[in-house]
N, C-alpha and C. Protein backbone atom coordinates (compact mmCIF):
# COMPACT_ATOMS: atom_id res chain seq x y z
N UNK A 1 0.85 -1.20 0.00
CA UNK A 1 0.00 0.00 0.00
C UNK A 1 0.88 1.25 0.00
N UNK A 2 0.52 2.25 -0.79
CA UNK A 2 1.25 3.51 -0.85
C UNK A 2 0.28 4.67 -0.76
N UNK A 3 0.81 5.82 -0.40
CA UNK A 3 0.01 7.04 -0.31
C UNK A 3 0.42 7.99 -1.43
N UNK A 4 -0.56 8.65 -2.04
CA UNK A 4 -0.28 9.56 -3.15
C UNK A 4 0.33 10.85 -2.64
N UNK A 5 1.37 11.29 -3.31
CA UNK A 5 2.03 12.55 -2.95
C UNK A 5 1.38 13.69 -3.72
N UNK A 6 0.96 14.71 -3.00
CA UNK A 6 0.38 15.90 -3.62
C UNK A 6 1.43 16.99 -3.62
N UNK A 7 1.91 17.37 -4.79
CA UNK A 7 2.99 18.35 -4.89
C UNK A 7 2.43 19.76 -5.05
N UNK A 8 3.10 20.71 -4.40
CA UNK A 8 2.75 22.11 -4.55
C UNK A 8 3.88 22.83 -5.26
N UNK A 9 3.56 23.90 -5.94
CA UNK A 9 4.58 24.68 -6.62
C UNK A 9 5.57 25.24 -5.61
N UNK A 10 6.84 25.14 -5.91
CA UNK A 10 7.85 25.67 -5.02
C UNK A 10 8.65 24.61 -4.32
N UNK A 11 8.16 23.36 -4.28
CA UNK A 11 8.91 22.28 -3.68
C UNK A 11 10.06 21.90 -4.60
N UNK A 12 11.25 21.82 -4.06
CA UNK A 12 12.45 21.59 -4.87
C UNK A 12 12.37 20.24 -5.58
N UNK A 13 12.63 20.18 -6.89
CA UNK A 13 12.58 18.92 -7.61
C UNK A 13 13.74 18.01 -7.23
N UNK A 14 13.62 16.74 -7.60
CA UNK A 14 14.64 15.74 -7.29
C UNK A 14 15.96 16.11 -7.96
N UNK A 15 17.02 16.10 -7.20
CA UNK A 15 18.35 16.44 -7.70
C UNK A 15 19.24 15.20 -7.60
N UNK A 16 19.42 14.46 -8.70
CA UNK A 16 20.16 13.19 -8.63
C UNK A 16 21.61 13.36 -8.18
N UNK A 17 22.26 14.45 -8.55
CA UNK A 17 23.65 14.67 -8.15
C UNK A 17 23.75 14.83 -6.64
N UNK A 18 22.88 15.67 -6.10
CA UNK A 18 22.87 15.88 -4.65
C UNK A 18 22.55 14.58 -3.92
N UNK A 19 21.54 13.85 -4.39
CA UNK A 19 21.14 12.61 -3.73
C UNK A 19 22.26 11.58 -3.75
N UNK A 20 22.99 11.49 -4.85
CA UNK A 20 24.09 10.53 -4.96
C UNK A 20 25.21 10.88 -4.00
N UNK A 21 25.60 12.15 -3.97
CA UNK A 21 26.68 12.58 -3.08
C UNK A 21 26.25 12.39 -1.62
N UNK A 22 25.01 12.72 -1.32
CA UNK A 22 24.50 12.56 0.04
C UNK A 22 24.55 11.09 0.46
N UNK A 23 24.17 10.21 -0.45
CA UNK A 23 24.17 8.78 -0.15
C UNK A 23 25.59 8.27 0.11
N UNK A 24 26.54 8.70 -0.71
CA UNK A 24 27.94 8.28 -0.54
C UNK A 24 28.48 8.77 0.81
N UNK A 25 28.19 10.02 1.15
CA UNK A 25 28.65 10.58 2.43
C UNK A 25 28.05 9.81 3.60
N UNK A 26 26.76 9.49 3.51
CA UNK A 26 26.11 8.77 4.60
C UNK A 26 26.70 7.38 4.79
N UNK A 27 26.95 6.68 3.71
CA UNK A 27 27.57 5.35 3.81
C UNK A 27 28.96 5.46 4.41
N UNK A 28 29.69 6.48 4.00
CA UNK A 28 31.04 6.70 4.55
C UNK A 28 30.98 6.96 6.05
N UNK A 29 30.04 7.81 6.48
CA UNK A 29 29.91 8.11 7.90
C UNK A 29 29.51 6.88 8.71
N UNK A 30 28.64 6.06 8.14
CA UNK A 30 28.23 4.82 8.83
C UNK A 30 29.42 3.89 9.02
N UNK A 31 30.27 3.80 8.00
CA UNK A 31 31.42 2.89 8.06
C UNK A 31 32.46 3.38 9.06
N UNK A 32 32.79 4.68 9.02
CA UNK A 32 33.86 5.16 9.89
C UNK A 32 33.43 5.26 11.35
N UNK A 33 32.11 5.36 11.60
CA UNK A 33 31.65 5.42 12.99
C UNK A 33 31.32 4.04 13.56
N UNK A 34 31.33 3.02 12.71
CA UNK A 34 30.98 1.66 13.16
C UNK A 34 31.82 1.17 14.33
N UNK A 35 33.15 1.40 14.36
CA UNK A 35 33.96 0.93 15.49
C UNK A 35 33.50 1.49 16.84
N UNK A 36 32.88 2.67 16.84
CA UNK A 36 32.36 3.25 18.08
C UNK A 36 30.90 2.86 18.30
N UNK A 37 30.12 2.84 17.22
CA UNK A 37 28.69 2.58 17.33
C UNK A 37 28.40 1.15 17.78
N UNK A 38 29.13 0.18 17.25
CA UNK A 38 28.86 -1.23 17.56
C UNK A 38 29.07 -1.53 19.05
N UNK A 39 30.20 -1.14 19.66
CA UNK A 39 30.35 -1.38 21.11
C UNK A 39 29.30 -0.66 21.96
N UNK A 40 28.98 0.59 21.59
CA UNK A 40 27.95 1.32 22.32
C UNK A 40 26.61 0.60 22.21
N UNK A 41 26.29 0.13 21.00
CA UNK A 41 25.05 -0.61 20.80
C UNK A 41 25.01 -1.89 21.62
N UNK A 42 26.15 -2.57 21.74
CA UNK A 42 26.22 -3.81 22.52
C UNK A 42 25.97 -3.53 24.00
N UNK A 43 26.53 -2.43 24.51
CA UNK A 43 26.33 -2.06 25.91
C UNK A 43 24.87 -1.72 26.16
N UNK A 44 24.27 -0.97 25.24
CA UNK A 44 22.85 -0.62 25.37
C UNK A 44 21.98 -1.87 25.35
N UNK A 45 22.28 -2.80 24.44
CA UNK A 45 21.52 -4.04 24.34
C UNK A 45 21.57 -4.82 25.64
N UNK A 46 22.76 -4.89 26.25
CA UNK A 46 22.92 -5.60 27.52
C UNK A 46 22.13 -4.90 28.62
N UNK A 47 22.17 -3.57 28.65
CA UNK A 47 21.44 -2.82 29.67
C UNK A 47 19.94 -3.03 29.55
N UNK A 48 19.43 -3.06 28.32
CA UNK A 48 18.00 -3.30 28.10
C UNK A 48 17.61 -4.68 28.58
N UNK A 49 18.44 -5.67 28.26
CA UNK A 49 18.18 -7.05 28.65
C UNK A 49 18.15 -7.20 30.17
N UNK A 50 19.04 -6.52 30.87
CA UNK A 50 19.12 -6.63 32.33
C UNK A 50 18.03 -5.82 33.02
N UNK A 51 17.54 -4.78 32.36
CA UNK A 51 16.61 -3.85 32.99
C UNK A 51 15.16 -4.34 32.96
N UNK A 52 14.76 -4.99 31.87
CA UNK A 52 13.36 -5.40 31.74
C UNK A 52 13.22 -6.55 30.77
N UNK A 53 12.14 -7.28 30.89
CA UNK A 53 11.89 -8.41 29.99
C UNK A 53 11.38 -7.90 28.65
N UNK A 54 11.65 -8.68 27.61
CA UNK A 54 11.20 -8.29 26.28
C UNK A 54 12.35 -8.19 25.30
N UNK A 55 12.05 -7.95 24.04
CA UNK A 55 13.10 -7.87 23.02
C UNK A 55 13.98 -6.64 23.19
N UNK A 56 15.16 -6.69 22.63
CA UNK A 56 16.08 -5.56 22.69
C UNK A 56 15.64 -4.46 21.73
N UNK A 57 15.16 -4.89 20.56
CA UNK A 57 14.79 -3.92 19.54
C UNK A 57 13.28 -3.74 19.45
N UNK A 58 12.88 -2.53 19.14
CA UNK A 58 11.49 -2.21 18.82
C UNK A 58 11.42 -2.06 17.31
N UNK A 59 10.59 -2.89 16.68
CA UNK A 59 10.45 -2.87 15.22
C UNK A 59 9.02 -2.49 14.88
N UNK A 60 8.88 -1.52 13.98
CA UNK A 60 7.55 -1.01 13.65
C UNK A 60 7.48 -0.59 12.18
N UNK A 61 6.33 -0.79 11.56
CA UNK A 61 6.15 -0.34 10.19
C UNK A 61 6.00 1.18 10.16
N UNK A 62 6.71 1.80 9.23
CA UNK A 62 6.61 3.24 9.01
C UNK A 62 6.42 3.50 7.51
N UNK A 63 6.03 4.72 7.19
CA UNK A 63 5.83 5.12 5.80
C UNK A 63 7.01 5.98 5.36
N UNK A 64 7.67 5.55 4.29
CA UNK A 64 8.84 6.24 3.80
C UNK A 64 8.61 7.00 2.51
N UNK A 65 9.67 7.19 1.77
CA UNK A 65 9.61 7.96 0.53
C UNK A 65 8.61 7.34 -0.44
N UNK A 66 7.80 8.20 -1.04
CA UNK A 66 6.82 7.74 -2.01
C UNK A 66 5.69 6.94 -1.41
N UNK A 67 5.55 6.95 -0.07
CA UNK A 67 4.49 6.20 0.57
C UNK A 67 4.80 4.73 0.77
N UNK A 68 6.07 4.34 0.58
CA UNK A 68 6.44 2.94 0.75
C UNK A 68 6.53 2.57 2.22
N UNK A 69 6.10 1.36 2.53
CA UNK A 69 6.16 0.86 3.90
C UNK A 69 7.51 0.18 4.13
N UNK A 70 8.13 0.47 5.27
CA UNK A 70 9.36 -0.20 5.66
C UNK A 70 9.33 -0.41 7.17
N UNK A 71 10.23 -1.23 7.68
CA UNK A 71 10.31 -1.51 9.10
C UNK A 71 11.44 -0.70 9.72
N UNK A 72 11.10 0.10 10.71
CA UNK A 72 12.09 0.93 11.39
C UNK A 72 12.60 0.20 12.63
N UNK A 73 13.87 0.42 12.95
CA UNK A 73 14.48 -0.24 14.11
C UNK A 73 14.87 0.80 15.16
N UNK A 74 14.52 0.50 16.41
CA UNK A 74 14.90 1.34 17.54
C UNK A 74 15.22 0.43 18.72
N UNK A 75 15.99 0.94 19.67
CA UNK A 75 16.14 0.20 20.92
C UNK A 75 14.84 0.34 21.70
N UNK A 76 14.38 -0.76 22.28
CA UNK A 76 13.13 -0.73 23.04
C UNK A 76 13.30 0.13 24.29
N UNK A 77 12.34 1.04 24.49
CA UNK A 77 12.39 1.94 25.65
C UNK A 77 11.18 1.77 26.56
N UNK A 78 10.21 0.97 26.15
CA UNK A 78 8.98 0.81 26.93
C UNK A 78 8.81 -0.63 27.38
N UNK A 79 8.00 -0.80 28.41
CA UNK A 79 7.69 -2.14 28.89
C UNK A 79 6.85 -2.89 27.86
N UNK A 80 6.83 -4.20 27.98
CA UNK A 80 6.08 -5.05 27.06
C UNK A 80 4.57 -4.93 27.30
N UNK A 81 3.81 -5.23 26.25
CA UNK A 81 2.34 -5.36 26.32
C UNK A 81 1.66 -4.09 26.83
N UNK A 82 2.15 -2.95 26.36
CA UNK A 82 1.52 -1.67 26.70
C UNK A 82 0.33 -1.42 25.77
N UNK A 83 -0.79 -1.04 26.33
CA UNK A 83 -1.96 -0.70 25.53
C UNK A 83 -1.73 0.65 24.86
N UNK A 84 -1.66 0.64 23.53
CA UNK A 84 -1.36 1.88 22.81
C UNK A 84 -2.59 2.53 22.18
N UNK A 85 -3.78 2.08 22.55
CA UNK A 85 -5.00 2.63 21.94
C UNK A 85 -5.14 4.12 22.24
N UNK A 86 -4.81 4.52 23.47
CA UNK A 86 -4.88 5.93 23.81
C UNK A 86 -3.88 6.75 23.03
N UNK A 87 -2.68 6.20 22.84
CA UNK A 87 -1.64 6.89 22.08
C UNK A 87 -2.08 7.07 20.63
N UNK A 88 -2.68 6.02 20.06
CA UNK A 88 -3.14 6.10 18.66
C UNK A 88 -4.18 7.21 18.50
N UNK A 89 -5.15 7.24 19.40
CA UNK A 89 -6.19 8.26 19.32
C UNK A 89 -5.60 9.65 19.47
N UNK A 90 -4.65 9.78 20.39
CA UNK A 90 -4.01 11.08 20.62
C UNK A 90 -3.26 11.53 19.39
N UNK A 91 -2.47 10.63 18.79
CA UNK A 91 -1.65 11.00 17.65
C UNK A 91 -2.50 11.34 16.42
N UNK A 92 -3.59 10.62 16.23
CA UNK A 92 -4.49 10.96 15.12
C UNK A 92 -5.06 12.36 15.31
N UNK A 93 -5.43 12.67 16.56
CA UNK A 93 -5.93 14.01 16.86
C UNK A 93 -4.84 15.05 16.67
N UNK A 94 -3.62 14.71 17.03
CA UNK A 94 -2.49 15.63 16.87
C UNK A 94 -2.25 15.93 15.39
N UNK A 95 -2.25 14.88 14.55
CA UNK A 95 -2.04 15.07 13.12
C UNK A 95 -3.17 15.89 12.51
N UNK A 96 -4.40 15.64 12.98
CA UNK A 96 -5.55 16.38 12.45
C UNK A 96 -5.62 17.82 12.95
N UNK A 97 -4.81 18.13 13.98
CA UNK A 97 -4.86 19.47 14.54
C UNK A 97 -5.98 19.67 15.53
N UNK A 98 -6.59 18.58 15.99
CA UNK A 98 -7.71 18.69 16.92
C UNK A 98 -7.29 19.08 18.33
N UNK A 99 -5.98 19.09 18.60
CA UNK A 99 -5.50 19.46 19.92
C UNK A 99 -4.99 20.89 19.96
N UNK A 100 -5.17 21.61 18.86
CA UNK A 100 -4.58 22.95 18.73
C UNK A 100 -5.04 23.91 19.82
N UNK A 101 -6.26 23.71 20.32
CA UNK A 101 -6.78 24.63 21.32
C UNK A 101 -6.41 24.22 22.74
N UNK A 102 -5.80 23.03 22.87
CA UNK A 102 -5.45 22.55 24.20
C UNK A 102 -3.95 22.68 24.36
N UNK A 103 -3.51 23.76 25.02
CA UNK A 103 -2.09 24.09 25.08
C UNK A 103 -1.25 22.96 25.63
N UNK A 104 -1.69 22.34 26.72
CA UNK A 104 -0.89 21.29 27.34
C UNK A 104 -0.72 20.11 26.40
N UNK A 105 -1.79 19.74 25.72
CA UNK A 105 -1.72 18.61 24.79
C UNK A 105 -0.88 18.97 23.58
N UNK A 106 -1.04 20.19 23.11
CA UNK A 106 -0.31 20.63 21.93
C UNK A 106 1.19 20.57 22.18
N UNK A 107 1.61 20.89 23.38
CA UNK A 107 3.03 20.97 23.67
C UNK A 107 3.65 19.61 23.96
N UNK A 108 2.83 18.59 24.22
CA UNK A 108 3.37 17.28 24.54
C UNK A 108 2.65 16.23 23.70
N UNK A 109 3.23 15.89 22.55
CA UNK A 109 2.53 14.98 21.67
C UNK A 109 3.09 13.57 21.72
N UNK A 110 3.73 13.21 22.86
CA UNK A 110 4.15 11.84 23.08
C UNK A 110 3.54 11.40 24.42
N UNK A 111 2.25 11.12 24.42
CA UNK A 111 1.52 10.94 25.67
C UNK A 111 1.77 9.59 26.34
N UNK A 112 2.97 9.34 26.82
CA UNK A 112 3.27 8.14 27.55
C UNK A 112 3.45 8.51 29.02
N UNK A 113 2.91 7.70 29.90
CA UNK A 113 3.17 7.92 31.31
C UNK A 113 4.55 7.38 31.64
N UNK A 114 5.16 7.93 32.69
CA UNK A 114 6.53 7.58 33.02
C UNK A 114 6.67 6.10 33.38
N UNK A 115 5.61 5.51 33.95
CA UNK A 115 5.71 4.11 34.34
C UNK A 115 5.66 3.16 33.15
N UNK A 116 5.34 3.68 31.96
CA UNK A 116 5.36 2.84 30.77
C UNK A 116 6.76 2.73 30.17
N UNK A 117 7.61 3.69 30.50
CA UNK A 117 8.97 3.73 29.97
C UNK A 117 9.91 3.09 31.00
N UNK A 118 10.82 2.26 30.52
CA UNK A 118 11.77 1.59 31.41
C UNK A 118 12.81 2.57 31.92
N UNK A 119 13.56 2.16 32.95
CA UNK A 119 14.62 3.02 33.49
C UNK A 119 15.67 3.30 32.43
N UNK A 120 16.11 2.25 31.74
CA UNK A 120 17.08 2.43 30.66
C UNK A 120 16.45 3.24 29.53
N UNK A 121 15.17 3.00 29.27
CA UNK A 121 14.47 3.71 28.22
C UNK A 121 14.44 5.21 28.41
N UNK A 122 14.30 5.65 29.66
CA UNK A 122 14.30 7.10 29.93
C UNK A 122 15.64 7.73 29.55
N UNK A 123 16.71 7.02 29.86
CA UNK A 123 18.03 7.52 29.48
C UNK A 123 18.21 7.52 27.97
N UNK A 124 17.77 6.46 27.32
CA UNK A 124 17.91 6.36 25.86
C UNK A 124 17.12 7.45 25.15
N UNK A 125 15.93 7.74 25.65
CA UNK A 125 15.12 8.79 25.03
C UNK A 125 15.73 10.17 25.26
N UNK A 126 16.25 10.38 26.48
CA UNK A 126 16.85 11.68 26.79
C UNK A 126 18.06 11.95 25.91
N UNK A 127 18.83 10.91 25.62
CA UNK A 127 20.06 11.07 24.83
C UNK A 127 19.84 10.77 23.35
N UNK A 128 18.63 10.34 22.98
CA UNK A 128 18.28 9.95 21.60
C UNK A 128 19.05 8.72 21.13
N UNK A 129 19.65 7.98 22.06
CA UNK A 129 20.39 6.77 21.68
C UNK A 129 19.45 5.64 21.26
N UNK A 130 18.16 5.75 21.57
CA UNK A 130 17.21 4.73 21.11
C UNK A 130 17.09 4.73 19.59
N UNK A 131 17.50 5.83 18.94
CA UNK A 131 17.41 5.92 17.49
C UNK A 131 18.62 5.28 16.78
N UNK A 132 19.63 4.88 17.54
CA UNK A 132 20.88 4.39 16.95
C UNK A 132 20.69 3.25 15.95
N UNK A 133 19.81 2.26 16.22
CA UNK A 133 19.63 1.16 15.25
C UNK A 133 19.12 1.59 13.88
N UNK A 134 18.64 2.83 13.78
CA UNK A 134 18.15 3.29 12.48
C UNK A 134 19.28 3.49 11.47
N UNK A 135 20.52 3.39 11.93
CA UNK A 135 21.63 3.36 10.99
C UNK A 135 21.52 2.13 10.08
N UNK A 136 20.87 1.07 10.58
CA UNK A 136 20.59 -0.10 9.73
C UNK A 136 19.67 0.31 8.59
N UNK A 137 18.65 1.10 8.90
CA UNK A 137 17.73 1.58 7.86
C UNK A 137 18.45 2.47 6.86
N UNK A 138 19.43 3.25 7.34
CA UNK A 138 20.21 4.10 6.44
C UNK A 138 21.04 3.23 5.50
N UNK A 139 21.70 2.23 6.04
CA UNK A 139 22.51 1.32 5.22
C UNK A 139 21.67 0.60 4.18
N UNK A 140 20.42 0.29 4.53
CA UNK A 140 19.52 -0.42 3.62
C UNK A 140 18.87 0.51 2.60
N UNK A 141 19.13 1.81 2.71
CA UNK A 141 18.57 2.76 1.76
C UNK A 141 17.12 3.12 2.02
N UNK A 142 16.61 2.78 3.21
CA UNK A 142 15.21 3.07 3.55
C UNK A 142 15.07 4.43 4.24
N UNK A 143 16.18 4.89 4.83
CA UNK A 143 16.18 6.17 5.52
C UNK A 143 17.45 6.93 5.19
N UNK A 144 17.47 8.17 5.58
CA UNK A 144 18.64 9.02 5.44
C UNK A 144 19.02 9.51 6.83
N UNK A 145 20.22 10.04 6.97
CA UNK A 145 20.58 10.64 8.26
C UNK A 145 19.72 11.87 8.54
N UNK A 146 19.40 12.62 7.48
CA UNK A 146 18.61 13.84 7.62
C UNK A 146 17.38 13.78 6.71
N UNK A 147 16.24 14.10 7.27
CA UNK A 147 15.00 14.09 6.51
C UNK A 147 13.81 14.14 7.45
N UNK A 148 12.60 14.18 6.93
CA UNK A 148 11.41 14.18 7.80
C UNK A 148 11.32 12.88 8.59
N UNK A 149 10.91 12.96 9.84
CA UNK A 149 10.73 11.76 10.63
C UNK A 149 9.56 10.95 10.08
N UNK A 150 9.70 9.63 9.94
CA UNK A 150 8.63 8.82 9.34
C UNK A 150 7.50 8.53 10.33
N UNK A 151 6.28 8.61 9.85
CA UNK A 151 5.10 8.28 10.65
C UNK A 151 4.67 6.84 10.41
N UNK A 152 3.86 6.34 11.33
CA UNK A 152 3.28 5.01 11.17
C UNK A 152 2.08 5.11 10.22
N UNK A 153 1.65 3.98 9.63
CA UNK A 153 0.56 4.04 8.65
C UNK A 153 -0.71 4.72 9.14
N UNK A 154 -1.12 4.43 10.38
CA UNK A 154 -2.39 5.01 10.84
C UNK A 154 -2.27 6.51 11.10
N UNK A 155 -1.07 7.03 11.26
CA UNK A 155 -0.90 8.48 11.33
C UNK A 155 -0.99 9.09 9.93
N UNK A 156 -0.39 8.42 8.96
CA UNK A 156 -0.42 8.90 7.58
C UNK A 156 -1.85 8.91 7.06
N UNK A 157 -2.66 7.97 7.51
CA UNK A 157 -4.06 7.93 7.10
C UNK A 157 -4.80 9.19 7.54
N UNK A 158 -4.30 9.84 8.58
CA UNK A 158 -4.93 11.07 9.09
C UNK A 158 -4.38 12.33 8.43
N UNK A 159 -3.40 12.17 7.52
CA UNK A 159 -2.82 13.34 6.85
C UNK A 159 -3.87 14.12 6.09
N UNK A 160 -3.70 15.44 6.08
CA UNK A 160 -4.42 16.26 5.11
C UNK A 160 -3.58 16.29 3.84
N UNK A 161 -4.17 16.69 2.73
CA UNK A 161 -3.51 16.59 1.43
C UNK A 161 -2.07 17.07 1.38
N UNK A 162 -1.82 18.29 1.86
CA UNK A 162 -0.48 18.87 1.74
C UNK A 162 0.54 18.20 2.66
N UNK A 163 0.07 17.47 3.67
CA UNK A 163 0.99 16.77 4.56
C UNK A 163 1.82 15.72 3.82
N UNK A 164 1.27 15.18 2.73
CA UNK A 164 1.97 14.11 2.01
C UNK A 164 3.22 14.60 1.30
N UNK A 165 3.42 15.91 1.25
CA UNK A 165 4.64 16.43 0.61
C UNK A 165 5.89 15.97 1.35
N UNK A 166 5.77 15.68 2.63
CA UNK A 166 6.93 15.24 3.40
C UNK A 166 7.37 13.82 2.99
N UNK A 167 6.56 13.15 2.16
CA UNK A 167 6.91 11.82 1.67
C UNK A 167 7.70 11.87 0.37
N UNK A 168 8.09 13.05 -0.05
CA UNK A 168 8.82 13.19 -1.32
C UNK A 168 10.29 12.80 -1.21
N UNK A 169 10.79 12.72 0.00
CA UNK A 169 12.20 12.37 0.20
C UNK A 169 12.30 11.23 1.21
N UNK A 170 13.49 10.63 1.30
CA UNK A 170 13.70 9.60 2.31
C UNK A 170 13.51 10.19 3.70
N UNK A 171 12.86 9.46 4.59
CA UNK A 171 12.75 9.93 5.97
C UNK A 171 14.12 9.93 6.64
N UNK A 172 14.26 10.70 7.71
CA UNK A 172 15.56 10.82 8.34
C UNK A 172 15.57 10.45 9.81
N UNK A 173 16.76 10.19 10.34
CA UNK A 173 16.92 9.95 11.76
C UNK A 173 16.71 11.25 12.52
N UNK A 174 17.14 12.35 11.92
CA UNK A 174 16.89 13.68 12.46
C UNK A 174 16.46 14.58 11.32
N UNK A 175 15.92 15.74 11.68
CA UNK A 175 15.44 16.63 10.64
C UNK A 175 15.33 18.06 11.13
N UNK A 176 14.98 18.95 10.23
CA UNK A 176 14.87 20.37 10.56
C UNK A 176 13.81 20.62 11.63
N UNK A 177 12.69 19.90 11.53
CA UNK A 177 11.61 20.09 12.51
C UNK A 177 12.05 19.67 13.90
N UNK A 178 12.84 18.61 14.00
CA UNK A 178 13.29 18.14 15.31
C UNK A 178 14.26 19.13 15.95
N UNK A 179 15.06 19.80 15.13
CA UNK A 179 16.01 20.77 15.65
C UNK A 179 15.32 22.08 16.02
N UNK A 180 14.40 22.52 15.18
CA UNK A 180 13.76 23.81 15.40
C UNK A 180 12.68 23.76 16.47
N UNK A 181 11.98 22.60 16.55
CA UNK A 181 10.85 22.56 17.45
C UNK A 181 10.90 21.53 18.54
N UNK A 182 11.77 20.49 18.37
CA UNK A 182 11.80 19.38 19.31
C UNK A 182 10.38 18.86 19.51
N UNK A 183 9.85 18.83 20.74
CA UNK A 183 8.52 18.28 20.99
C UNK A 183 7.51 19.37 21.35
N UNK A 184 7.73 20.58 20.84
CA UNK A 184 6.92 21.70 21.30
C UNK A 184 6.17 22.43 20.19
N UNK A 185 5.89 21.75 19.08
CA UNK A 185 5.20 22.40 17.99
C UNK A 185 4.07 21.51 17.48
N UNK A 186 3.15 22.11 16.74
CA UNK A 186 2.03 21.35 16.19
C UNK A 186 2.50 20.52 15.00
N UNK A 187 1.64 19.59 14.57
CA UNK A 187 2.01 18.75 13.43
C UNK A 187 2.10 19.59 12.16
N UNK A 188 1.20 20.54 11.99
CA UNK A 188 1.27 21.42 10.81
C UNK A 188 2.62 22.14 10.76
N UNK A 189 3.11 22.59 11.91
CA UNK A 189 4.41 23.26 11.95
C UNK A 189 5.54 22.30 11.63
N UNK A 190 5.41 21.05 12.09
CA UNK A 190 6.41 20.04 11.75
C UNK A 190 6.48 19.86 10.24
N UNK A 191 5.31 19.72 9.61
CA UNK A 191 5.28 19.51 8.17
C UNK A 191 5.81 20.73 7.43
N UNK A 192 5.51 21.92 7.93
CA UNK A 192 6.03 23.14 7.30
C UNK A 192 7.56 23.15 7.31
N UNK A 193 8.16 22.74 8.43
CA UNK A 193 9.62 22.63 8.49
C UNK A 193 10.12 21.56 7.53
N UNK A 194 9.40 20.44 7.44
CA UNK A 194 9.81 19.37 6.54
C UNK A 194 9.77 19.82 5.08
N UNK A 195 8.71 20.52 4.71
CA UNK A 195 8.59 21.03 3.34
C UNK A 195 9.68 22.07 3.07
N UNK A 196 9.97 22.89 4.07
CA UNK A 196 11.05 23.86 3.93
C UNK A 196 12.38 23.15 3.68
N UNK A 197 12.62 22.06 4.41
CA UNK A 197 13.85 21.29 4.21
C UNK A 197 13.90 20.73 2.79
N UNK A 198 12.79 20.16 2.33
CA UNK A 198 12.75 19.59 0.99
C UNK A 198 13.05 20.65 -0.06
N UNK A 199 12.50 21.84 0.14
CA UNK A 199 12.68 22.93 -0.82
C UNK A 199 14.12 23.41 -0.87
N UNK A 200 14.78 23.48 0.30
CA UNK A 200 16.12 24.06 0.36
C UNK A 200 17.21 23.03 0.66
N UNK A 201 16.90 21.76 0.55
CA UNK A 201 17.88 20.73 0.91
C UNK A 201 19.19 20.89 0.14
N UNK A 202 20.27 20.72 0.88
CA UNK A 202 21.61 20.82 0.31
C UNK A 202 22.57 20.11 1.27
N UNK A 203 23.78 19.86 0.81
CA UNK A 203 24.76 19.23 1.67
C UNK A 203 25.10 20.12 2.86
N UNK A 204 25.14 21.44 2.64
CA UNK A 204 25.42 22.36 3.72
C UNK A 204 24.32 22.34 4.78
N UNK A 205 23.06 22.33 4.33
CA UNK A 205 21.95 22.28 5.28
C UNK A 205 21.96 20.96 6.04
N UNK A 206 22.25 19.86 5.35
CA UNK A 206 22.35 18.56 6.02
C UNK A 206 23.43 18.59 7.10
N UNK A 207 24.58 19.18 6.78
CA UNK A 207 25.68 19.25 7.73
C UNK A 207 25.28 20.08 8.95
N UNK A 208 24.57 21.18 8.72
CA UNK A 208 24.13 22.03 9.83
C UNK A 208 23.16 21.29 10.74
N UNK A 209 22.22 20.57 10.14
CA UNK A 209 21.23 19.83 10.93
C UNK A 209 21.90 18.74 11.76
N UNK A 210 22.86 18.04 11.17
CA UNK A 210 23.60 17.02 11.91
C UNK A 210 24.38 17.64 13.06
N UNK A 211 24.98 18.77 12.83
CA UNK A 211 25.74 19.46 13.88
C UNK A 211 24.81 19.93 14.99
N UNK A 212 23.67 20.55 14.62
CA UNK A 212 22.70 21.00 15.62
C UNK A 212 22.16 19.82 16.43
N UNK A 213 21.96 18.69 15.75
CA UNK A 213 21.47 17.50 16.45
C UNK A 213 22.51 17.02 17.46
N UNK A 214 23.76 16.96 17.03
CA UNK A 214 24.83 16.50 17.91
C UNK A 214 24.96 17.39 19.15
N UNK A 215 24.93 18.70 18.94
CA UNK A 215 25.06 19.61 20.08
C UNK A 215 23.85 19.53 21.00
N UNK A 216 22.66 19.30 20.43
CA UNK A 216 21.45 19.16 21.26
C UNK A 216 21.56 17.94 22.16
N UNK A 217 22.07 16.84 21.61
CA UNK A 217 22.22 15.61 22.38
C UNK A 217 23.31 15.78 23.45
N UNK A 218 24.45 16.37 23.06
CA UNK A 218 25.56 16.52 23.99
C UNK A 218 25.23 17.44 25.16
N UNK A 219 24.38 18.44 24.91
CA UNK A 219 24.05 19.39 25.96
C UNK A 219 22.71 19.07 26.64
N UNK A 220 22.23 17.83 26.40
CA UNK A 220 21.07 17.35 27.15
C UNK A 220 19.75 17.94 26.75
N UNK A 221 19.62 18.33 25.48
CA UNK A 221 18.35 18.88 25.05
C UNK A 221 17.57 17.85 24.26
N UNK A 222 17.74 16.57 24.60
CA UNK A 222 17.03 15.51 23.92
C UNK A 222 15.57 15.46 24.30
N UNK A 223 14.83 14.64 23.56
CA UNK A 223 13.39 14.51 23.85
C UNK A 223 13.19 13.74 25.14
N UNK A 224 12.14 14.09 25.87
CA UNK A 224 11.84 13.39 27.11
C UNK A 224 11.19 12.06 26.80
């Protein structure tokens, strides 16, 4: 199943030269960081195993470029067998903009209670290390280091027409919306940042977003 992309005038067209160079750079970065990433990943995996029962990895279907479905990989941060029906309803309302008048809800669009997240999971979320396994998705060509964050199918089903523009490029581990707004903006604002990134995407902008992401993580400005 795929979702139709609705293009608006002004969105930057596909640039094969830029995409090729970006892909080569990403593969190079994945290779040269592997000696550090693999041991860190092993330590995290052991900590998850010792902290709570359940799998080490969280695997979920997401919607990528062109509306294609792929499986995203993350380190598990929540306890097993959590009822996510409330989260689904909340996120659909968030995508639809139905929470716009509720300031508290608008500012916190990850409605998990603290007891649902494991002790190790809280640290992983704060440092964004739970996203580390998505380097596998980058190596497989399903994601990029920089791009719009991918949504799950039932969130995409709630998209309004122009929201699908964010599906024009590979989804990313980090993106302009995550740097500019973190968890404090509406979904429409997230998509506006994503469309802005698509329009002005360049190697320089990618480098800036990666640098901003790194400094945010190092200085403890990660997502809760």
